[in-house]
């Protein structure tokens, strides 16, 4: 069981979160800039742009999930999982945030 959790954590660490609100990229320029930074794996730039986007849209689970992803990829696990929790508070069914929260629980139980 522990081995499966570790494999899941490793597999999940390479996947990009899914977007559940695709129209946001067309609406918010900070969000659109963040998506470019994420695609280029420029984690600090993505964090900056997503943080600005989060100020404009405090109810977007996608922004919070992407923030969690960018923080995690930059090695900042504490703020990463804090943002995943915010995403789930906004949308308890947000698939990407659920996956990463599961990963956190699996890694924490080791």
N, C-alpha and C. Protein backbone atom coordinates (compact mmCIF):
# COMPACT_ATOMS: atom_id res chain seq x y z
N UNK A 1 0.82 -1.19 0.00
CA UNK A 1 0.00 0.00 0.00
C UNK A 1 0.87 1.26 0.00
N UNK A 2 1.90 1.29 0.83
CA UNK A 2 2.79 2.44 0.88
C UNK A 2 3.49 2.61 -0.46
N UNK A 3 3.92 1.49 -1.07
CA UNK A 3 4.59 1.56 -2.37
C UNK A 3 3.69 2.18 -3.41
N UNK A 4 2.41 1.83 -3.40
CA UNK A 4 1.45 2.40 -4.35
C UNK A 4 1.30 3.90 -4.12
N UNK A 5 1.29 4.32 -2.87
CA UNK A 5 1.17 5.74 -2.56
C UNK A 5 2.38 6.51 -3.07
N UNK A 6 3.54 5.94 -2.92
CA UNK A 6 4.76 6.61 -3.40
C UNK A 6 4.73 6.70 -4.91
N UNK A 7 4.33 5.63 -5.58
CA UNK A 7 4.23 5.66 -7.04
C UNK A 7 3.22 6.69 -7.49
N UNK A 8 2.09 6.77 -6.80
CA UNK A 8 1.09 7.76 -7.13
C UNK A 8 1.66 9.17 -6.96
N UNK A 9 2.37 9.39 -5.87
CA UNK A 9 2.96 10.70 -5.62
C UNK A 9 3.95 11.07 -6.70
N UNK A 10 4.76 10.12 -7.12
CA UNK A 10 5.73 10.40 -8.16
C UNK A 10 5.05 10.67 -9.49
N UNK A 11 4.04 9.91 -9.83
CA UNK A 11 3.32 10.11 -11.09
C UNK A 11 2.61 11.45 -11.08
N UNK A 12 1.99 11.80 -9.98
CA UNK A 12 1.25 13.05 -9.90
C UNK A 12 2.16 14.26 -9.93
N UNK A 13 3.39 14.11 -9.53
CA UNK A 13 4.28 15.26 -9.46
C UNK A 13 4.65 15.80 -10.83
N UNK A 14 4.41 15.02 -11.88
CA UNK A 14 4.77 15.48 -13.22
C UNK A 14 3.58 15.96 -14.03
N UNK A 15 2.38 15.79 -13.53
CA UNK A 15 1.21 16.17 -14.32
C UNK A 15 0.82 17.62 -14.03
N UNK A 16 0.32 18.27 -15.07
CA UNK A 16 -0.14 19.64 -14.96
C UNK A 16 -1.59 19.60 -14.53
N UNK A 17 -1.99 20.49 -13.61
CA UNK A 17 -3.37 20.47 -13.15
C UNK A 17 -4.36 20.72 -14.30
N UNK A 18 -5.54 20.19 -14.15
CA UNK A 18 -6.56 20.43 -15.16
C UNK A 18 -7.30 21.71 -14.84
N UNK A 19 -7.73 22.36 -15.88
CA UNK A 19 -8.44 23.62 -15.73
C UNK A 19 -9.93 23.35 -15.82
N UNK A 20 -10.66 23.79 -14.85
CA UNK A 20 -12.09 23.57 -14.83
C UNK A 20 -12.86 24.82 -15.25
N UNK A 21 -12.16 25.95 -15.39
CA UNK A 21 -12.78 27.20 -15.79
C UNK A 21 -11.97 27.79 -16.95
N UNK A 22 -11.99 27.20 -18.15
CA UNK A 22 -11.11 27.63 -19.24
C UNK A 22 -11.31 29.06 -19.69
N UNK A 23 -12.46 29.65 -19.45
CA UNK A 23 -12.70 31.03 -19.89
C UNK A 23 -11.86 32.04 -19.13
N UNK A 24 -11.35 31.68 -17.96
CA UNK A 24 -10.54 32.63 -17.17
C UNK A 24 -9.35 33.15 -17.95
N UNK A 25 -8.71 32.31 -18.74
CA UNK A 25 -7.53 32.73 -19.50
C UNK A 25 -7.86 33.81 -20.51
N UNK A 26 -9.09 33.86 -20.95
CA UNK A 26 -9.50 34.88 -21.90
C UNK A 26 -9.94 36.15 -21.20
N UNK A 27 -10.18 36.08 -19.90
CA UNK A 27 -10.72 37.22 -19.17
C UNK A 27 -9.63 37.98 -18.42
N UNK A 28 -8.83 37.32 -17.67
CA UNK A 28 -7.85 37.95 -16.79
C UNK A 28 -6.46 37.88 -17.40
N UNK A 29 -5.85 39.02 -17.70
CA UNK A 29 -4.51 39.01 -18.30
C UNK A 29 -3.45 38.39 -17.38
N UNK A 30 -3.59 38.54 -16.07
CA UNK A 30 -2.64 37.92 -15.14
C UNK A 30 -2.73 36.41 -15.21
N UNK A 31 -3.95 35.91 -15.30
CA UNK A 31 -4.17 34.47 -15.40
C UNK A 31 -3.58 33.94 -16.71
N UNK A 32 -3.80 34.67 -17.79
CA UNK A 32 -3.25 34.27 -19.09
C UNK A 32 -1.72 34.27 -19.05
N UNK A 33 -1.15 35.27 -18.40
CA UNK A 33 0.32 35.32 -18.26
C UNK A 33 0.83 34.17 -17.41
N UNK A 34 0.09 33.85 -16.38
CA UNK A 34 0.47 32.72 -15.52
C UNK A 34 0.46 31.41 -16.29
N UNK A 35 -0.53 31.23 -17.15
CA UNK A 35 -0.60 30.00 -17.94
C UNK A 35 0.63 29.88 -18.85
N UNK A 36 1.08 30.98 -19.42
CA UNK A 36 2.29 30.97 -20.25
C UNK A 36 3.51 30.60 -19.40
N UNK A 37 3.60 31.18 -18.22
CA UNK A 37 4.73 30.89 -17.32
C UNK A 37 4.71 29.42 -16.88
N UNK A 38 3.54 28.89 -16.61
CA UNK A 38 3.43 27.47 -16.24
C UNK A 38 3.90 26.59 -17.38
N UNK A 39 3.48 26.91 -18.60
CA UNK A 39 3.87 26.11 -19.76
C UNK A 39 5.38 26.14 -19.97
N UNK A 40 5.99 27.27 -19.63
CA UNK A 40 7.44 27.44 -19.78
C UNK A 40 8.20 26.96 -18.54
N UNK A 41 7.48 26.46 -17.55
CA UNK A 41 8.06 26.00 -16.29
C UNK A 41 8.84 27.09 -15.56
N UNK A 42 8.32 28.30 -15.64
CA UNK A 42 8.88 29.44 -14.92
C UNK A 42 8.02 29.64 -13.67
N UNK A 43 8.35 28.88 -12.66
CA UNK A 43 7.50 28.78 -11.49
C UNK A 43 7.36 30.09 -10.74
N UNK A 44 8.44 30.83 -10.55
CA UNK A 44 8.34 32.10 -9.81
C UNK A 44 7.47 33.11 -10.55
N UNK A 45 7.62 33.17 -11.87
CA UNK A 45 6.78 34.08 -12.67
C UNK A 45 5.31 33.65 -12.59
N UNK A 46 5.08 32.35 -12.62
CA UNK A 46 3.71 31.84 -12.51
C UNK A 46 3.11 32.20 -11.15
N UNK A 47 3.90 32.05 -10.09
CA UNK A 47 3.41 32.38 -8.75
C UNK A 47 3.05 33.86 -8.67
N UNK A 48 3.91 34.72 -9.21
CA UNK A 48 3.61 36.16 -9.19
C UNK A 48 2.32 36.47 -9.94
N UNK A 49 2.19 35.95 -11.16
CA UNK A 49 1.01 36.24 -11.97
C UNK A 49 -0.25 35.63 -11.35
N UNK A 50 -0.16 34.42 -10.86
CA UNK A 50 -1.32 33.79 -10.23
C UNK A 50 -1.73 34.50 -8.95
N UNK A 51 -0.75 34.99 -8.21
CA UNK A 51 -1.07 35.73 -6.99
C UNK A 51 -1.85 37.00 -7.33
N UNK A 52 -1.45 37.67 -8.40
CA UNK A 52 -2.21 38.84 -8.85
C UNK A 52 -3.60 38.43 -9.33
N UNK A 53 -3.66 37.34 -10.08
CA UNK A 53 -4.95 36.85 -10.55
C UNK A 53 -5.87 36.49 -9.40
N UNK A 54 -5.30 35.94 -8.34
CA UNK A 54 -6.09 35.56 -7.16
C UNK A 54 -6.67 36.79 -6.46
N UNK A 55 -5.97 37.91 -6.55
CA UNK A 55 -6.50 39.16 -5.98
C UNK A 55 -7.71 39.63 -6.77
N UNK A 56 -7.70 39.43 -8.08
CA UNK A 56 -8.81 39.85 -8.94
C UNK A 56 -10.00 38.91 -8.83
N UNK A 57 -9.71 37.63 -8.65
CA UNK A 57 -10.78 36.63 -8.59
C UNK A 57 -10.56 35.74 -7.37
N UNK A 58 -11.19 36.11 -6.29
CA UNK A 58 -11.00 35.40 -5.02
C UNK A 58 -11.80 34.11 -4.95
N UNK A 59 -12.60 33.82 -6.00
CA UNK A 59 -13.46 32.63 -5.97
C UNK A 59 -13.06 31.57 -7.00
N UNK A 60 -11.86 31.68 -7.54
CA UNK A 60 -11.43 30.73 -8.57
C UNK A 60 -10.63 29.58 -7.96
N UNK A 61 -11.22 28.40 -8.01
CA UNK A 61 -10.52 27.21 -7.56
C UNK A 61 -9.35 26.89 -8.49
N UNK A 62 -9.50 27.19 -9.78
CA UNK A 62 -8.42 26.94 -10.74
C UNK A 62 -7.17 27.74 -10.39
N UNK A 63 -7.35 29.01 -10.09
CA UNK A 63 -6.19 29.84 -9.74
C UNK A 63 -5.50 29.28 -8.50
N UNK A 64 -6.27 28.91 -7.50
CA UNK A 64 -5.67 28.36 -6.28
C UNK A 64 -4.96 27.04 -6.56
N UNK A 65 -5.54 26.21 -7.41
CA UNK A 65 -4.90 24.93 -7.74
C UNK A 65 -3.61 25.15 -8.53
N UNK A 66 -3.65 26.06 -9.48
CA UNK A 66 -2.42 26.38 -10.23
C UNK A 66 -1.36 26.98 -9.32
N UNK A 67 -1.78 27.81 -8.38
CA UNK A 67 -0.82 28.36 -7.40
C UNK A 67 -0.18 27.23 -6.61
N UNK A 68 -0.99 26.29 -6.18
CA UNK A 68 -0.46 25.13 -5.47
C UNK A 68 0.54 24.37 -6.32
N UNK A 69 0.20 24.18 -7.58
CA UNK A 69 1.08 23.47 -8.51
C UNK A 69 2.41 24.20 -8.67
N UNK A 70 2.35 25.52 -8.91
CA UNK A 70 3.57 26.31 -9.11
C UNK A 70 4.44 26.31 -7.86
N UNK A 71 3.81 26.48 -6.71
CA UNK A 71 4.58 26.43 -5.46
C UNK A 71 5.23 25.06 -5.27
N UNK A 72 4.47 24.00 -5.55
CA UNK A 72 5.01 22.65 -5.38
C UNK A 72 6.18 22.41 -6.32
N UNK A 73 6.03 22.82 -7.56
CA UNK A 73 7.10 22.62 -8.53
C UNK A 73 8.34 23.45 -8.18
N UNK A 74 8.15 24.56 -7.46
CA UNK A 74 9.30 25.38 -7.05
C UNK A 74 9.91 24.88 -5.74
N UNK A 75 9.33 23.79 -5.20
CA UNK A 75 9.87 23.20 -3.99
C UNK A 75 9.30 23.75 -2.70
N UNK A 76 8.27 24.57 -2.79
CA UNK A 76 7.66 25.20 -1.62
C UNK A 76 6.38 24.45 -1.26
N UNK A 77 6.54 23.36 -0.52
CA UNK A 77 5.41 22.47 -0.28
C UNK A 77 4.36 23.05 0.66
N UNK A 78 4.76 23.78 1.66
CA UNK A 78 3.78 24.31 2.61
C UNK A 78 2.78 25.25 1.92
N UNK A 79 3.24 26.27 1.19
CA UNK A 79 2.25 27.10 0.49
C UNK A 79 1.51 26.35 -0.61
N UNK A 80 2.15 25.35 -1.19
CA UNK A 80 1.48 24.56 -2.23
C UNK A 80 0.23 23.90 -1.68
N UNK A 81 0.37 23.18 -0.59
CA UNK A 81 -0.77 22.47 -0.05
C UNK A 81 -1.78 23.41 0.59
N UNK A 82 -1.34 24.57 1.02
CA UNK A 82 -2.27 25.58 1.53
C UNK A 82 -3.19 26.04 0.37
N UNK A 83 -2.59 26.24 -0.82
CA UNK A 83 -3.40 26.66 -1.96
C UNK A 83 -4.31 25.55 -2.47
N UNK A 84 -3.85 24.30 -2.41
CA UNK A 84 -4.73 23.20 -2.78
C UNK A 84 -5.95 23.15 -1.85
N UNK A 85 -5.72 23.39 -0.56
CA UNK A 85 -6.83 23.41 0.39
C UNK A 85 -7.80 24.55 0.07
N UNK A 86 -7.27 25.70 -0.32
CA UNK A 86 -8.14 26.82 -0.71
C UNK A 86 -8.96 26.45 -1.94
N UNK A 87 -8.32 25.78 -2.89
CA UNK A 87 -9.04 25.36 -4.10
C UNK A 87 -10.20 24.44 -3.72
N UNK A 88 -9.94 23.50 -2.82
CA UNK A 88 -10.99 22.57 -2.41
C UNK A 88 -12.08 23.25 -1.58
N UNK A 89 -11.72 24.28 -0.85
CA UNK A 89 -12.73 25.03 -0.11
C UNK A 89 -13.67 25.76 -1.09
N UNK A 90 -13.11 26.21 -2.21
CA UNK A 90 -13.92 26.89 -3.22
C UNK A 90 -14.72 25.91 -4.07
N UNK A 91 -14.11 24.75 -4.34
CA UNK A 91 -14.76 23.73 -5.16
C UNK A 91 -14.33 22.36 -4.65
N UNK A 92 -15.10 21.77 -3.78
CA UNK A 92 -14.72 20.48 -3.19
C UNK A 92 -14.54 19.37 -4.22
N UNK A 93 -15.02 19.54 -5.43
CA UNK A 93 -14.91 18.52 -6.47
C UNK A 93 -13.80 18.84 -7.48
N UNK A 94 -12.96 19.81 -7.19
CA UNK A 94 -11.88 20.19 -8.11
C UNK A 94 -10.90 19.02 -8.21
N UNK A 95 -10.85 18.39 -9.38
CA UNK A 95 -10.08 17.16 -9.55
C UNK A 95 -8.60 17.32 -9.26
N UNK A 96 -7.97 18.33 -9.81
CA UNK A 96 -6.52 18.48 -9.60
C UNK A 96 -6.18 18.70 -8.14
N UNK A 97 -6.94 19.57 -7.50
CA UNK A 97 -6.67 19.83 -6.09
C UNK A 97 -6.90 18.57 -5.26
N UNK A 98 -7.92 17.79 -5.60
CA UNK A 98 -8.15 16.53 -4.89
C UNK A 98 -6.97 15.57 -5.05
N UNK A 99 -6.45 15.48 -6.27
CA UNK A 99 -5.31 14.58 -6.53
C UNK A 99 -4.10 14.98 -5.72
N UNK A 100 -3.80 16.26 -5.67
CA UNK A 100 -2.61 16.70 -4.95
C UNK A 100 -2.79 16.60 -3.45
N UNK A 101 -4.00 16.80 -2.96
CA UNK A 101 -4.26 16.61 -1.53
C UNK A 101 -4.07 15.13 -1.19
N UNK A 102 -4.52 14.24 -2.07
CA UNK A 102 -4.30 12.81 -1.84
C UNK A 102 -2.82 12.50 -1.80
N UNK A 103 -2.06 13.13 -2.68
CA UNK A 103 -0.62 12.93 -2.70
C UNK A 103 0.00 13.39 -1.39
N UNK A 104 -0.46 14.53 -0.89
CA UNK A 104 0.08 15.03 0.38
C UNK A 104 -0.19 14.05 1.50
N UNK A 105 -1.40 13.50 1.56
CA UNK A 105 -1.73 12.56 2.62
C UNK A 105 -0.87 11.29 2.48
N UNK A 106 -0.66 10.83 1.26
CA UNK A 106 0.14 9.62 1.04
C UNK A 106 1.59 9.84 1.47
N UNK A 107 2.15 10.97 1.11
CA UNK A 107 3.53 11.27 1.47
C UNK A 107 3.65 11.49 2.97
N UNK A 108 2.67 12.16 3.57
CA UNK A 108 2.71 12.42 5.01
C UNK A 108 2.63 11.16 5.85
N UNK A 109 1.99 10.12 5.29
CA UNK A 109 1.83 8.90 6.06
C UNK A 109 3.05 7.99 6.00
N UNK A 110 4.04 8.35 5.20
CA UNK A 110 5.25 7.51 5.09
C UNK A 110 6.12 7.62 6.32
